[in-house]
Amino acid sequence: MASPFRKTAESPLGLRVIGFKEIEKSTCGNRDISRVVQSFPSVASTAAFRNDLMVRGGGPSENRFFLDGVEIPNINHFSTQGASGGPVGIINPDFVREVNFYSAAFPTARGNALSSVLDFKLQDGNKEKFSLRGVVGASDVGISANGPLGDKTTYQVSVRRSYLQFLFDMIGLPFLPTFTDA
């Protein structure tokens, strides 16, 4: 098995590579990359219902996120102003090939980061056959499919829906967090 630590000239100690299987098998991760990263050295965890990242003493707004090289402002549903965290991640781990987590020595192409950089690399669709996967998580249910569309084209599609609003309504809580993403 390959080491999750990758030594590069730019960041010999500050890079951790996280694969799909590590996201899936992480205890208490709930298939959320932010919760997986919270268990790493140099990362402080926050209140149990949020997944804010505070890396090396920095604040939750000092992290940068990239999806296949494009910066994205937020990776969570229900985030608050001035923070990057929320209770549920937006990015479906079924589509993630690997995540490069930099806690120090950020690459020059990933500027403006003060605390950390999460660089998501998405996988391609299956070129050989159709694949279907259903998932029931701690807060949502989802279905993902991928496969070939032609000789040189693949597809990936996913739909997730929260179900906590039904539980919260049954026990009489005044807030009903609902999300659907596709």
N, C-alpha and C. Protein backbone atom coordinates (compact mmCIF):
# COMPACT_ATOMS: atom_id res chain seq x y z
N MET A 1 0.84 -1.18 0.00
CA MET A 1 0.00 0.00 0.00
C MET A 1 0.89 1.24 0.00
N ALA A 2 0.54 2.21 -0.82
CA ALA A 2 1.32 3.44 -0.92
C ALA A 2 1.08 4.31 0.30
N SER A 3 2.08 5.06 0.64
CA SER A 3 1.98 5.96 1.79
C SER A 3 1.07 7.13 1.47
N PRO A 4 0.25 7.58 2.42
CA PRO A 4 -0.60 8.75 2.17
C PRO A 4 0.18 10.05 2.18
N PHE A 5 1.44 9.99 2.62
CA PHE A 5 2.28 11.18 2.63
C PHE A 5 3.13 11.17 1.37
N ARG A 6 3.09 12.25 0.64
CA ARG A 6 3.84 12.37 -0.60
C ARG A 6 4.86 13.50 -0.43
N LYS A 7 6.12 13.20 -0.61
CA LYS A 7 7.15 14.22 -0.46
C LYS A 7 7.41 14.87 -1.81
N THR A 8 7.24 16.18 -1.85
CA THR A 8 7.54 16.94 -3.05
C THR A 8 8.56 18.00 -2.69
N ALA A 9 9.19 18.58 -3.69
CA ALA A 9 10.19 19.61 -3.44
C ALA A 9 9.56 20.84 -2.80
N GLU A 10 8.32 21.16 -3.19
CA GLU A 10 7.66 22.36 -2.67
C GLU A 10 7.20 22.20 -1.23
N SER A 11 6.64 21.06 -0.89
CA SER A 11 6.11 20.87 0.46
C SER A 11 6.46 19.47 0.96
N PRO A 12 7.68 19.29 1.44
CA PRO A 12 8.12 17.96 1.85
C PRO A 12 7.39 17.41 3.07
N LEU A 13 6.85 18.26 3.91
CA LEU A 13 6.18 17.79 5.13
C LEU A 13 4.72 18.22 5.24
N GLY A 14 4.29 19.18 4.45
CA GLY A 14 2.96 19.75 4.62
C GLY A 14 1.88 19.17 3.75
N LEU A 15 2.14 18.11 2.99
CA LEU A 15 1.15 17.54 2.07
C LEU A 15 0.69 16.17 2.55
N ARG A 16 -0.61 15.98 2.57
CA ARG A 16 -1.21 14.68 2.88
C ARG A 16 -2.19 14.37 1.76
N VAL A 17 -2.07 13.20 1.16
CA VAL A 17 -2.95 12.79 0.07
C VAL A 17 -4.03 11.87 0.65
N ILE A 18 -5.28 12.22 0.39
CA ILE A 18 -6.42 11.49 0.94
C ILE A 18 -7.18 10.88 -0.23
N GLY A 19 -7.35 9.58 -0.23
CA GLY A 19 -8.07 8.89 -1.29
C GLY A 19 -9.53 8.63 -0.92
N PHE A 20 -10.28 8.16 -1.90
CA PHE A 20 -11.70 7.87 -1.70
C PHE A 20 -11.92 6.87 -0.58
N LYS A 21 -11.12 5.82 -0.52
CA LYS A 21 -11.31 4.79 0.50
C LYS A 21 -11.08 5.33 1.90
N GLU A 22 -10.14 6.24 2.06
CA GLU A 22 -9.91 6.84 3.37
C GLU A 22 -11.09 7.70 3.79
N ILE A 23 -11.71 8.39 2.86
CA ILE A 23 -12.90 9.19 3.16
C ILE A 23 -14.04 8.27 3.58
N GLU A 24 -14.24 7.19 2.84
CA GLU A 24 -15.31 6.23 3.12
C GLU A 24 -15.15 5.55 4.48
N LYS A 25 -13.93 5.18 4.82
CA LYS A 25 -13.69 4.37 6.02
C LYS A 25 -13.38 5.18 7.26
N SER A 26 -13.33 6.48 7.16
CA SER A 26 -12.98 7.31 8.30
C SER A 26 -14.06 7.23 9.39
N THR A 27 -13.63 6.95 10.60
CA THR A 27 -14.56 6.89 11.72
C THR A 27 -15.13 8.28 11.99
N CYS A 28 -16.41 8.37 12.11
CA CYS A 28 -17.13 9.63 12.38
C CYS A 28 -16.95 10.66 11.27
N GLY A 29 -16.51 10.25 10.10
CA GLY A 29 -16.32 11.18 9.00
C GLY A 29 -17.60 11.49 8.25
N ASN A 30 -18.57 10.58 8.28
CA ASN A 30 -19.85 10.75 7.59
C ASN A 30 -19.65 11.13 6.12
N ARG A 31 -18.62 10.53 5.48
CA ARG A 31 -18.33 10.77 4.06
C ARG A 31 -18.12 12.26 3.77
N ASP A 32 -17.56 12.99 4.72
CA ASP A 32 -17.31 14.42 4.59
C ASP A 32 -15.82 14.68 4.74
N ILE A 33 -15.20 15.24 3.72
CA ILE A 33 -13.75 15.44 3.73
C ILE A 33 -13.31 16.36 4.85
N SER A 34 -14.10 17.37 5.19
CA SER A 34 -13.72 18.28 6.26
C SER A 34 -13.64 17.56 7.60
N ARG A 35 -14.55 16.64 7.84
CA ARG A 35 -14.52 15.87 9.09
C ARG A 35 -13.34 14.90 9.11
N VAL A 36 -12.98 14.36 7.96
CA VAL A 36 -11.80 13.49 7.88
C VAL A 36 -10.55 14.29 8.23
N VAL A 37 -10.42 15.48 7.66
CA VAL A 37 -9.25 16.32 7.87
C VAL A 37 -9.15 16.77 9.33
N GLN A 38 -10.28 16.92 10.01
CA GLN A 38 -10.26 17.36 11.41
C GLN A 38 -9.51 16.39 12.32
N SER A 39 -9.32 15.16 11.89
CA SER A 39 -8.59 14.19 12.72
C SER A 39 -7.08 14.23 12.49
N PHE A 40 -6.61 15.08 11.60
CA PHE A 40 -5.19 15.15 11.28
C PHE A 40 -4.43 16.04 12.26
N PRO A 41 -3.12 15.82 12.38
CA PRO A 41 -2.31 16.72 13.19
C PRO A 41 -2.36 18.14 12.63
N SER A 42 -2.28 19.12 13.47
CA SER A 42 -2.29 20.55 13.17
C SER A 42 -3.69 21.09 12.87
N VAL A 43 -4.73 20.26 12.97
CA VAL A 43 -6.09 20.71 12.69
C VAL A 43 -6.91 20.62 13.98
N ALA A 44 -7.53 21.75 14.36
CA ALA A 44 -8.38 21.78 15.55
C ALA A 44 -9.81 21.51 15.15
N SER A 45 -10.52 20.71 15.92
CA SER A 45 -11.93 20.46 15.64
C SER A 45 -12.79 21.49 16.36
N THR A 46 -13.99 21.66 15.86
CA THR A 46 -14.92 22.65 16.40
C THR A 46 -16.12 21.95 17.00
N ALA A 47 -17.19 22.70 17.18
CA ALA A 47 -18.42 22.14 17.72
C ALA A 47 -18.84 20.91 16.91
N ALA A 48 -19.48 19.97 17.54
CA ALA A 48 -19.77 18.67 16.94
C ALA A 48 -20.62 18.76 15.67
N PHE A 49 -21.48 19.75 15.54
CA PHE A 49 -22.37 19.79 14.38
C PHE A 49 -21.80 20.56 13.20
N ARG A 50 -20.62 21.15 13.34
CA ARG A 50 -19.99 21.90 12.24
C ARG A 50 -18.68 21.24 11.83
N ASN A 51 -18.25 21.52 10.63
CA ASN A 51 -16.99 20.96 10.16
C ASN A 51 -16.00 22.05 9.75
N ASP A 52 -15.96 23.15 10.50
CA ASP A 52 -14.99 24.21 10.25
C ASP A 52 -13.57 23.66 10.37
N LEU A 53 -12.68 24.17 9.54
CA LEU A 53 -11.27 23.78 9.61
C LEU A 53 -10.46 24.92 10.19
N MET A 54 -9.78 24.64 11.29
CA MET A 54 -8.85 25.60 11.87
C MET A 54 -7.48 24.93 11.89
N VAL A 55 -6.66 25.30 10.93
CA VAL A 55 -5.38 24.64 10.73
C VAL A 55 -4.26 25.55 11.23
N ARG A 56 -3.40 24.99 12.04
CA ARG A 56 -2.23 25.69 12.59
C ARG A 56 -2.60 27.03 13.22
N GLY A 57 -3.71 27.06 13.93
CA GLY A 57 -4.13 28.27 14.66
C GLY A 57 -4.87 29.29 13.83
N GLY A 58 -5.08 29.03 12.56
CA GLY A 58 -5.80 29.98 11.70
C GLY A 58 -7.30 29.86 11.87
N GLY A 59 -8.02 30.81 11.34
CA GLY A 59 -9.48 30.81 11.42
C GLY A 59 -10.11 30.03 10.29
N PRO A 60 -11.41 29.75 10.41
CA PRO A 60 -12.11 28.95 9.39
C PRO A 60 -12.22 29.63 8.02
N SER A 61 -11.99 30.94 7.96
CA SER A 61 -12.08 31.62 6.66
C SER A 61 -10.72 31.71 5.97
N GLU A 62 -9.67 31.13 6.55
CA GLU A 62 -8.32 31.25 6.01
C GLU A 62 -7.90 30.04 5.19
N ASN A 63 -8.83 29.18 4.83
CA ASN A 63 -8.56 28.00 4.02
C ASN A 63 -8.98 28.26 2.58
N ARG A 64 -8.34 27.59 1.65
CA ARG A 64 -8.71 27.70 0.24
C ARG A 64 -9.03 26.32 -0.30
N PHE A 65 -10.01 26.27 -1.21
CA PHE A 65 -10.48 25.01 -1.77
C PHE A 65 -10.41 25.09 -3.30
N PHE A 66 -9.90 24.02 -3.90
CA PHE A 66 -9.79 23.94 -5.35
C PHE A 66 -10.39 22.63 -5.83
N LEU A 67 -11.15 22.70 -6.90
CA LEU A 67 -11.78 21.54 -7.50
C LEU A 67 -11.26 21.41 -8.92
N ASP A 68 -10.38 20.44 -9.17
CA ASP A 68 -9.72 20.27 -10.45
C ASP A 68 -9.09 21.56 -10.95
N GLY A 69 -8.42 22.27 -10.03
CA GLY A 69 -7.68 23.48 -10.39
C GLY A 69 -8.46 24.78 -10.34
N VAL A 70 -9.76 24.72 -10.11
CA VAL A 70 -10.59 25.92 -10.06
C VAL A 70 -10.94 26.21 -8.61
N GLU A 71 -10.68 27.45 -8.16
CA GLU A 71 -10.98 27.79 -6.77
C GLU A 71 -12.49 27.88 -6.57
N ILE A 72 -12.95 27.27 -5.48
CA ILE A 72 -14.36 27.35 -5.10
C ILE A 72 -14.42 27.99 -3.71
N PRO A 73 -15.42 28.84 -3.47
CA PRO A 73 -15.43 29.58 -2.20
C PRO A 73 -15.84 28.76 -0.98
N ASN A 74 -16.60 27.71 -1.20
CA ASN A 74 -17.15 26.99 -0.05
C ASN A 74 -17.41 25.55 -0.44
N ILE A 75 -17.21 24.63 0.50
CA ILE A 75 -17.45 23.22 0.22
C ILE A 75 -18.52 22.63 1.14
N ASN A 76 -19.38 23.49 1.72
CA ASN A 76 -20.38 23.01 2.68
C ASN A 76 -21.75 23.61 2.46
N HIS A 77 -22.77 22.82 2.77
CA HIS A 77 -24.13 23.32 2.87
C HIS A 77 -24.26 24.06 4.19
N PHE A 78 -25.10 25.08 4.26
CA PHE A 78 -25.44 25.81 5.48
C PHE A 78 -24.23 26.47 6.13
N SER A 79 -23.32 27.00 5.35
CA SER A 79 -22.16 27.67 5.94
C SER A 79 -22.58 29.05 6.44
N THR A 80 -21.80 29.59 7.35
CA THR A 80 -22.09 30.91 7.89
C THR A 80 -21.08 31.91 7.33
N GLN A 81 -21.46 33.18 7.34
CA GLN A 81 -20.58 34.21 6.81
C GLN A 81 -19.30 34.28 7.64
N GLY A 82 -18.16 34.37 6.96
CA GLY A 82 -16.89 34.47 7.64
C GLY A 82 -16.29 33.13 8.04
N ALA A 83 -16.93 32.05 7.64
CA ALA A 83 -16.42 30.71 7.97
C ALA A 83 -16.55 29.83 6.74
N SER A 84 -15.76 28.79 6.68
CA SER A 84 -15.82 27.89 5.55
C SER A 84 -16.59 26.62 5.87
N GLY A 85 -16.94 26.42 7.11
CA GLY A 85 -17.57 25.18 7.53
C GLY A 85 -19.08 25.25 7.56
N GLY A 86 -19.66 24.12 7.78
CA GLY A 86 -21.10 23.95 7.91
C GLY A 86 -21.34 22.53 8.39
N PRO A 87 -22.56 22.11 8.52
CA PRO A 87 -22.80 20.76 9.02
C PRO A 87 -22.62 19.65 7.99
N VAL A 88 -22.74 19.96 6.69
CA VAL A 88 -22.70 18.93 5.66
C VAL A 88 -21.88 19.40 4.47
N GLY A 89 -21.01 18.53 3.96
CA GLY A 89 -20.20 18.86 2.80
C GLY A 89 -21.00 18.79 1.51
N ILE A 90 -20.65 19.64 0.55
CA ILE A 90 -21.32 19.67 -0.75
C ILE A 90 -20.74 18.62 -1.70
N ILE A 91 -19.44 18.39 -1.62
CA ILE A 91 -18.77 17.54 -2.60
C ILE A 91 -19.03 16.07 -2.29
N ASN A 92 -19.57 15.37 -3.28
CA ASN A 92 -19.89 13.96 -3.13
C ASN A 92 -18.59 13.14 -3.22
N PRO A 93 -18.25 12.40 -2.17
CA PRO A 93 -16.99 11.64 -2.22
C PRO A 93 -16.97 10.53 -3.27
N ASP A 94 -18.12 10.14 -3.81
CA ASP A 94 -18.15 9.14 -4.87
C ASP A 94 -17.43 9.64 -6.12
N PHE A 95 -17.29 10.94 -6.29
CA PHE A 95 -16.64 11.53 -7.45
C PHE A 95 -15.18 11.88 -7.21
N VAL A 96 -14.70 11.75 -5.97
CA VAL A 96 -13.36 12.18 -5.62
C VAL A 96 -12.35 11.06 -5.88
N ARG A 97 -11.30 11.36 -6.63
CA ARG A 97 -10.19 10.43 -6.84
C ARG A 97 -9.20 10.58 -5.70
N GLU A 98 -8.83 11.84 -5.41
CA GLU A 98 -7.94 12.11 -4.28
C GLU A 98 -8.07 13.58 -3.88
N VAL A 99 -7.67 13.86 -2.66
CA VAL A 99 -7.64 15.23 -2.14
C VAL A 99 -6.23 15.48 -1.63
N ASN A 100 -5.62 16.54 -2.10
CA ASN A 100 -4.31 16.95 -1.58
C ASN A 100 -4.56 18.00 -0.51
N PHE A 101 -4.22 17.66 0.73
CA PHE A 101 -4.39 18.56 1.86
C PHE A 101 -3.04 19.13 2.24
N TYR A 102 -2.90 20.44 2.04
CA TYR A 102 -1.67 21.14 2.39
C TYR A 102 -1.89 21.89 3.71
N SER A 103 -1.14 21.54 4.73
CA SER A 103 -1.22 22.28 5.98
C SER A 103 -0.04 23.23 6.13
N ALA A 104 0.87 23.20 5.19
CA ALA A 104 2.04 24.09 5.17
C ALA A 104 2.65 24.04 3.78
N ALA A 105 3.50 25.01 3.47
CA ALA A 105 4.23 25.08 2.20
C ALA A 105 3.31 24.89 1.00
N PHE A 106 2.34 25.80 0.88
CA PHE A 106 1.36 25.72 -0.21
C PHE A 106 2.03 25.95 -1.56
N PRO A 107 1.54 25.29 -2.60
CA PRO A 107 2.08 25.55 -3.94
C PRO A 107 1.83 27.00 -4.35
N THR A 108 2.73 27.56 -5.15
CA THR A 108 2.59 28.96 -5.54
C THR A 108 1.32 29.21 -6.36
N ALA A 109 0.85 28.20 -7.06
CA ALA A 109 -0.38 28.34 -7.86
C ALA A 109 -1.63 28.38 -7.00
N ARG A 110 -1.50 28.13 -5.72
CA ARG A 110 -2.64 28.12 -4.79
C ARG A 110 -2.48 29.25 -3.78
N GLY A 111 -2.35 30.46 -4.27
CA GLY A 111 -2.10 31.61 -3.43
C GLY A 111 -3.28 32.02 -2.57
N ASN A 112 -3.03 32.97 -1.68
CA ASN A 112 -4.02 33.56 -0.78
C ASN A 112 -4.45 32.64 0.34
N ALA A 113 -3.83 31.53 0.52
CA ALA A 113 -4.18 30.64 1.63
C ALA A 113 -3.33 31.02 2.84
N LEU A 114 -3.96 31.11 3.98
CA LEU A 114 -3.23 31.42 5.21
C LEU A 114 -3.10 30.19 6.10
N SER A 115 -4.09 29.30 6.08
CA SER A 115 -4.07 28.14 6.97
C SER A 115 -3.87 26.83 6.22
N SER A 116 -4.67 26.58 5.20
CA SER A 116 -4.56 25.31 4.50
C SER A 116 -5.12 25.41 3.08
N VAL A 117 -4.81 24.38 2.29
CA VAL A 117 -5.36 24.25 0.94
C VAL A 117 -5.87 22.83 0.80
N LEU A 118 -7.11 22.68 0.34
CA LEU A 118 -7.65 21.38 -0.04
C LEU A 118 -7.84 21.41 -1.55
N ASP A 119 -7.11 20.54 -2.23
CA ASP A 119 -7.11 20.48 -3.68
C ASP A 119 -7.76 19.17 -4.11
N PHE A 120 -9.01 19.23 -4.54
CA PHE A 120 -9.79 18.04 -4.92
C PHE A 120 -9.49 17.66 -6.36
N LYS A 121 -9.22 16.39 -6.60
CA LYS A 121 -9.04 15.84 -7.94
C LYS A 121 -10.19 14.86 -8.16
N LEU A 122 -11.04 15.14 -9.14
CA LEU A 122 -12.19 14.29 -9.40
C LEU A 122 -11.82 13.16 -10.34
N GLN A 123 -12.52 12.05 -10.20
CA GLN A 123 -12.26 10.91 -11.06
C GLN A 123 -13.06 11.03 -12.35
N ASP A 124 -12.65 10.28 -13.35
CA ASP A 124 -13.38 10.21 -14.61
C ASP A 124 -14.44 9.13 -14.49
N GLY A 125 -15.43 9.19 -15.37
CA GLY A 125 -16.44 8.14 -15.39
C GLY A 125 -15.85 6.82 -15.87
N ASN A 126 -16.52 5.75 -15.57
CA ASN A 126 -16.07 4.41 -15.95
C ASN A 126 -16.18 4.26 -17.48
N LYS A 127 -15.08 3.94 -18.14
CA LYS A 127 -15.07 3.81 -19.60
C LYS A 127 -15.53 2.44 -20.07
N GLU A 128 -15.58 1.47 -19.16
CA GLU A 128 -15.86 0.08 -19.53
C GLU A 128 -17.32 -0.32 -19.35
N LYS A 129 -17.94 0.05 -18.22
CA LYS A 129 -19.29 -0.44 -17.94
C LYS A 129 -20.06 0.55 -17.08
N PHE A 130 -21.36 0.37 -17.05
CA PHE A 130 -22.27 1.16 -16.22
C PHE A 130 -22.09 0.76 -14.76
N SER A 131 -22.12 1.73 -13.86
CA SER A 131 -21.96 1.48 -12.44
C SER A 131 -23.00 2.29 -11.67
N LEU A 132 -23.63 1.66 -10.69
CA LEU A 132 -24.65 2.31 -9.86
C LEU A 132 -24.32 2.06 -8.40
N ARG A 133 -24.44 3.11 -7.58
CA ARG A 133 -24.12 2.98 -6.16
C ARG A 133 -25.13 3.78 -5.34
N GLY A 134 -25.69 3.16 -4.33
CA GLY A 134 -26.58 3.82 -3.39
C GLY A 134 -25.91 3.95 -2.04
N VAL A 135 -26.15 5.05 -1.34
CA VAL A 135 -25.52 5.30 -0.05
C VAL A 135 -26.54 5.89 0.92
N VAL A 136 -26.52 5.37 2.14
CA VAL A 136 -27.31 5.96 3.23
C VAL A 136 -26.30 6.42 4.27
N GLY A 137 -26.22 7.73 4.48
CA GLY A 137 -25.29 8.30 5.44
C GLY A 137 -25.99 8.66 6.73
N ALA A 138 -25.27 9.34 7.61
CA ALA A 138 -25.83 9.74 8.90
C ALA A 138 -26.84 10.88 8.75
N SER A 139 -26.79 11.59 7.63
CA SER A 139 -27.71 12.72 7.45
C SER A 139 -28.37 12.76 6.08
N ASP A 140 -27.97 11.88 5.17
CA ASP A 140 -28.51 11.96 3.81
C ASP A 140 -28.57 10.58 3.16
N VAL A 141 -29.28 10.53 2.06
CA VAL A 141 -29.36 9.34 1.23
C VAL A 141 -29.02 9.78 -0.19
N GLY A 142 -28.31 8.92 -0.92
CA GLY A 142 -27.90 9.32 -2.26
C GLY A 142 -27.76 8.16 -3.20
N ILE A 143 -27.71 8.49 -4.48
CA ILE A 143 -27.49 7.51 -5.53
C ILE A 143 -26.56 8.14 -6.56
N SER A 144 -25.59 7.36 -7.02
CA SER A 144 -24.62 7.81 -8.01
C SER A 144 -24.55 6.79 -9.13
N ALA A 145 -24.34 7.28 -10.34
CA ALA A 145 -24.19 6.39 -11.49
C ALA A 145 -23.11 6.97 -12.39
N ASN A 146 -22.39 6.08 -13.07
CA ASN A 146 -21.43 6.52 -14.08
C ASN A 146 -21.24 5.40 -15.09
N GLY A 147 -20.68 5.78 -16.23
CA GLY A 147 -20.45 4.79 -17.27
C GLY A 147 -20.10 5.45 -18.59
N PRO A 148 -19.97 4.64 -19.62
CA PRO A 148 -19.62 5.19 -20.94
C PRO A 148 -20.84 5.74 -21.67
N LEU A 149 -20.64 6.81 -22.45
CA LEU A 149 -21.69 7.34 -23.33
C LEU A 149 -21.33 7.09 -24.79
N GLY A 150 -20.09 6.84 -25.04
CA GLY A 150 -19.59 6.59 -26.38
C GLY A 150 -18.17 6.09 -26.29
N ASP A 151 -17.46 6.11 -27.41
CA ASP A 151 -16.08 5.63 -27.42
C ASP A 151 -15.15 6.52 -26.59
N LYS A 152 -15.40 7.83 -26.58
CA LYS A 152 -14.50 8.76 -25.90
C LYS A 152 -15.20 9.61 -24.84
N THR A 153 -16.41 9.24 -24.46
CA THR A 153 -17.19 10.06 -23.53
C THR A 153 -17.73 9.21 -22.40
N THR A 154 -17.62 9.74 -21.18
CA THR A 154 -18.20 9.09 -20.01
C THR A 154 -19.09 10.08 -19.29
N TYR A 155 -19.86 9.60 -18.35
CA TYR A 155 -20.71 10.47 -17.55
C TYR A 155 -20.65 10.04 -16.09
N GLN A 156 -20.96 10.98 -15.22
CA GLN A 156 -21.16 10.73 -13.80
C GLN A 156 -22.34 11.58 -13.37
N VAL A 157 -23.23 11.01 -12.60
CA VAL A 157 -24.37 11.75 -12.10
C VAL A 157 -24.66 11.29 -10.67
N SER A 158 -25.12 12.21 -9.87
CA SER A 158 -25.40 11.90 -8.47
C SER A 158 -26.51 12.78 -7.96
N VAL A 159 -27.32 12.23 -7.08
CA VAL A 159 -28.36 12.99 -6.40
C VAL A 159 -28.32 12.59 -4.93
N ARG A 160 -28.28 13.60 -4.05
CA ARG A 160 -28.33 13.36 -2.61
C ARG A 160 -29.44 14.20 -2.01
N ARG A 161 -30.04 13.67 -0.95
CA ARG A 161 -31.13 14.38 -0.26
C ARG A 161 -31.00 14.13 1.22
N SER A 162 -31.15 15.20 2.00
CA SER A 162 -31.09 15.05 3.45
C SER A 162 -32.40 14.43 3.95
N TYR A 163 -32.30 13.74 5.07
CA TYR A 163 -33.51 13.21 5.68
C TYR A 163 -33.66 13.61 7.14
N LEU A 164 -32.77 14.42 7.65
CA LEU A 164 -32.86 14.83 9.05
C LEU A 164 -34.08 15.70 9.33
N GLN A 165 -34.58 16.42 8.32
CA GLN A 165 -35.74 17.26 8.55
C GLN A 165 -36.95 16.45 9.01
N PHE A 166 -37.06 15.21 8.55
CA PHE A 166 -38.18 14.36 8.97
C PHE A 166 -38.01 13.94 10.43
N LEU A 167 -36.79 13.59 10.81
CA LEU A 167 -36.51 13.23 12.20
C LEU A 167 -36.72 14.44 13.12
N PHE A 168 -36.21 15.61 12.74
CA PHE A 168 -36.35 16.80 13.56
C PHE A 168 -37.81 17.22 13.70
N ASP A 169 -38.60 17.03 12.65
CA ASP A 169 -40.03 17.35 12.70
C ASP A 169 -40.75 16.40 13.66
N MET A 170 -40.38 15.12 13.66
CA MET A 170 -41.03 14.14 14.55
C MET A 170 -40.75 14.44 16.02
N ILE A 171 -39.53 14.90 16.34
CA ILE A 171 -39.24 15.17 17.74
C ILE A 171 -39.49 16.63 18.13
N GLY A 172 -40.02 17.41 17.19
CA GLY A 172 -40.50 18.75 17.50
C GLY A 172 -39.44 19.85 17.57
N LEU A 173 -38.33 19.69 16.89
CA LEU A 173 -37.32 20.75 16.88
C LEU A 173 -37.77 21.87 15.94
N PRO A 174 -37.47 23.11 16.28
CA PRO A 174 -38.00 24.24 15.50
C PRO A 174 -37.29 24.49 14.16
N PHE A 175 -36.17 23.83 13.88
CA PHE A 175 -35.46 24.05 12.61
C PHE A 175 -35.46 22.77 11.81
N LEU A 176 -35.56 22.89 10.52
CA LEU A 176 -35.61 21.73 9.64
C LEU A 176 -34.56 21.88 8.54
N PRO A 177 -33.32 21.44 8.77
CA PRO A 177 -32.29 21.59 7.74
C PRO A 177 -32.55 20.66 6.57
N THR A 178 -32.72 21.23 5.40
CA THR A 178 -33.02 20.44 4.20
C THR A 178 -32.03 20.81 3.10
N PHE A 179 -31.51 19.80 2.42
CA PHE A 179 -30.70 20.07 1.26
C PHE A 179 -30.92 18.96 0.25
N THR A 180 -30.79 19.34 -1.00
CA THR A 180 -30.77 18.41 -2.12
C THR A 180 -29.67 18.90 -3.04
N ASP A 181 -28.79 18.02 -3.44
CA ASP A 181 -27.80 18.42 -4.44
C ASP A 181 -27.71 17.37 -5.52
N ALA A 182 -27.37 17.84 -6.71
CA ALA A 182 -27.28 16.95 -7.86
C ALA A 182 -26.11 17.38 -8.70
